[in-house]
Amino acid sequence: MLPLPVSGLNEFSKEYRLFQRNFLRGAMDVEMDANGRILVPKTLTKFASIEKEVILVGVGNRLEIWNPAQYEEYLISDENEFADLAEKYLGEAE
């Protein structure tokens, strides 16, 4: 079973509210310029160690911006480990 998204948690729970505030504390509204570009706030570029190049990764209903070297380090390099995760979350292929 997949975990509930943050929006699916009980809003009347004190722990939920504490978790939600901390989970979303880095979220920021940004606007596109006339050319359709966004400026990533300096606090977020510093947090993500972004200098010049980035990788955009679509993950479900969101877009992640990564430092390319950190993204490569984060990925699973062992095919068996990936296969185990796929089986755990998606089940065996029939």
C-alpha atoms as a PDB file:
ATOM      1  CA  MET A   1       0.000   0.000   0.000  1.00  0.00           C
ATOM      2  CA  LEU A   2       1.327   3.439  -0.938  1.00  0.00           C
ATOM      3  CA  PRO A   3       1.465   6.091   1.809  1.00  0.00           C
ATOM      4  CA  LEU A   4      -1.102   8.888   1.846  1.00  0.00           C
ATOM      5  CA  PRO A   5      -0.064  12.174   0.277  1.00  0.00           C
ATOM      6  CA  VAL A   6       0.421  15.045   2.698  1.00  0.00           C
ATOM      7  CA  SER A   7      -2.972  16.417   1.649  1.00  0.00           C
ATOM      8  CA  GLY A   8      -4.656  13.137   2.679  1.00  0.00           C
ATOM      9  CA  LEU A   9      -3.614  13.271   6.330  1.00  0.00           C
ATOM     10  CA  ASN A  10      -5.974  14.201   9.165  1.00  0.00           C
ATOM     11  CA  GLU A  11      -6.023  17.995   9.462  1.00  0.00           C
ATOM     12  CA  PHE A  12      -7.332  17.758  13.026  1.00  0.00           C
ATOM     13  CA  SER A  13      -4.204  15.982  14.245  1.00  0.00           C
ATOM     14  CA  LYS A  14      -1.670  18.167  16.058  1.00  0.00           C
ATOM     15  CA  GLU A  15       1.169  15.967  14.750  1.00  0.00           C
ATOM     16  CA  TYR A  16      -0.130  16.273  11.181  1.00  0.00           C
ATOM     17  CA  ARG A  17      -0.158  20.051  11.376  1.00  0.00           C
ATOM     18  CA  LEU A  18       3.387  20.073  12.782  1.00  0.00           C
ATOM     19  CA  PHE A  19       4.535  17.680  10.047  1.00  0.00           C
ATOM     20  CA  GLN A  20       2.776  19.665   7.293  1.00  0.00           C
ATOM     21  CA  ARG A  21       4.302  22.982   8.376  1.00  0.00           C
ATOM     22  CA  ASN A  22       7.789  21.492   8.440  1.00  0.00           C
ATOM     23  CA  PHE A  23       7.290  19.554   5.211  1.00  0.00           C
ATOM     24  CA  LEU A  24       6.151  22.644   3.326  1.00  0.00           C
ATOM     25  CA  ARG A  25       8.370  25.265   4.984  1.00  0.00           C
ATOM     26  CA  GLY A  26      10.624  25.584   1.942  1.00  0.00           C
ATOM     27  CA  ALA A  27       7.753  26.071  -0.511  1.00  0.00           C
ATOM     28  CA  MET A  28       7.658  29.409  -2.319  1.00  0.00           C
ATOM     29  CA  ASP A  29       5.462  31.041  -4.925  1.00  0.00           C
ATOM     30  CA  VAL A  30       7.345  32.172  -8.017  1.00  0.00           C
ATOM     31  CA  GLU A  31       6.147  33.942 -11.146  1.00  0.00           C
ATOM     32  CA  MET A  32       7.178  33.425 -14.747  1.00  0.00           C
ATOM     33  CA  ASP A  33       8.771  36.275 -16.622  1.00  0.00           C
ATOM     34  CA  ALA A  34       7.598  37.446 -20.059  1.00  0.00           C
ATOM     35  CA  ASN A  35       9.600  34.614 -21.690  1.00  0.00           C
ATOM     36  CA  GLY A  36       8.017  31.884 -19.546  1.00  0.00           C
ATOM     37  CA  ARG A  37      11.054  31.451 -17.295  1.00  0.00           C
ATOM     38  CA  ILE A  38      11.120  31.230 -13.523  1.00  0.00           C
ATOM     39  CA  LEU A  39      13.822  32.425 -11.196  1.00  0.00           C
ATOM     40  CA  VAL A  40      14.579  29.851  -8.513  1.00  0.00           C
ATOM     41  CA  PRO A  41      15.009  31.720  -5.209  1.00  0.00           C
ATOM     42  CA  LYS A  42      18.587  31.880  -3.907  1.00  0.00           C
ATOM     43  CA  THR A  43      17.663  30.045  -0.707  1.00  0.00           C
ATOM     44  CA  LEU A  44      16.514  27.054  -2.751  1.00  0.00           C
ATOM     45  CA  THR A  45      19.501  27.092  -5.131  1.00  0.00           C
ATOM     46  CA  LYS A  46      21.799  27.140  -2.110  1.00  0.00           C
ATOM     47  CA  PHE A  47      19.872  24.296  -0.440  1.00  0.00           C
ATOM     48  CA  ALA A  48      20.034  22.183  -3.633  1.00  0.00           C
ATOM     49  CA  SER A  49      23.685  23.104  -4.375  1.00  0.00           C
ATOM     50  CA  ILE A  50      22.630  24.414  -7.786  1.00  0.00           C
ATOM     51  CA  GLU A  51      25.258  26.500  -9.521  1.00  0.00           C
ATOM     52  CA  LYS A  52      24.826  26.618 -13.289  1.00  0.00           C
ATOM     53  CA  GLU A  53      23.255  23.473 -14.741  1.00  0.00           C
ATOM     54  CA  VAL A  54      20.167  21.660 -13.463  1.00  0.00           C
ATOM     55  CA  ILE A  55      18.208  18.504 -14.171  1.00  0.00           C
ATOM     56  CA  LEU A  56      14.401  18.709 -14.146  1.00  0.00           C
ATOM     57  CA  VAL A  57      12.751  15.494 -12.985  1.00  0.00           C
ATOM     58  CA  GLY A  58       9.019  14.817 -13.164  1.00  0.00           C
ATOM     59  CA  VAL A  59       7.933  12.869 -10.088  1.00  0.00           C
ATOM     60  CA  GLY A  60       4.218  12.138  -9.968  1.00  0.00           C
ATOM     61  CA  ASN A  61       2.423  15.468  -9.759  1.00  0.00           C
ATOM     62  CA  ARG A  62       5.488  17.620  -9.134  1.00  0.00           C
ATOM     63  CA  LEU A  63       8.677  18.762 -10.781  1.00  0.00           C
ATOM     64  CA  GLU A  64      12.030  18.501  -8.996  1.00  0.00           C
ATOM     65  CA  ILE A  65      15.089  20.617  -9.779  1.00  0.00           C
ATOM     66  CA  TRP A  66      18.412  18.895  -9.060  1.00  0.00           C
ATOM     67  CA  ASN A  67      22.109  19.560  -9.179  1.00  0.00           C
ATOM     68  CA  PRO A  68      23.148  17.037 -11.894  1.00  0.00           C
ATOM     69  CA  ALA A  69      25.967  15.466  -9.857  1.00  0.00           C
ATOM     70  CA  GLN A  70      23.795  15.028  -6.761  1.00  0.00           C
ATOM     71  CA  TYR A  71      21.002  13.520  -8.847  1.00  0.00           C
ATOM     72  CA  GLU A  72      23.354  10.913 -10.304  1.00  0.00           C
ATOM     73  CA  GLU A  73      24.567  10.029  -6.788  1.00  0.00           C
ATOM     74  CA  TYR A  74      20.959   9.676  -5.589  1.00  0.00           C
ATOM     75  CA  LEU A  75      19.887   7.248  -8.319  1.00  0.00           C
ATOM     76  CA  ILE A  76      19.988   3.505  -7.713  1.00  0.00           C
ATOM     77  CA  SER A  77      22.925   2.002  -9.574  1.00  0.00           C
ATOM     78  CA  ASP A  78      22.204  -1.625  -8.652  1.00  0.00           C
ATOM     79  CA  GLU A  79      19.604  -3.173 -10.992  1.00  0.00           C
ATOM     80  CA  ASN A  80      18.639  -5.779  -8.371  1.00  0.00           C
ATOM     81  CA  GLU A  81      17.923  -3.103  -5.769  1.00  0.00           C
ATOM     82  CA  PHE A  82      15.695  -1.291  -8.279  1.00  0.00           C
ATOM     83  CA  ALA A  83      13.929  -4.540  -9.192  1.00  0.00           C
ATOM     84  CA  ASP A  84      13.270  -5.237  -5.498  1.00  0.00           C
ATOM     85  CA  LEU A  85      11.718  -1.783  -5.049  1.00  0.00           C
ATOM     86  CA  ALA A  86       9.615  -2.187  -8.195  1.00  0.00           C
ATOM     87  CA  GLU A  87       8.288  -5.526  -6.950  1.00  0.00           C
ATOM     88  CA  LYS A  88       7.579  -4.106  -3.494  1.00  0.00           C
ATOM     89  CA  TYR A  89       5.588  -1.114  -4.758  1.00  0.00           C
ATOM     90  CA  LEU A  90       4.189  -2.360  -8.066  1.00  0.00           C
ATOM     91  CA  GLY A  91       3.885  -6.091  -7.489  1.00  0.00           C
ATOM     92  CA  GLU A  92       5.121  -8.823  -9.747  1.00  0.00           C
ATOM     93  CA  ALA A  93       4.497  -8.437 -13.465  1.00  0.00           C
ATOM     94  CA  GLU A  94       2.000 -10.984 -14.736  1.00  0.00           C
END
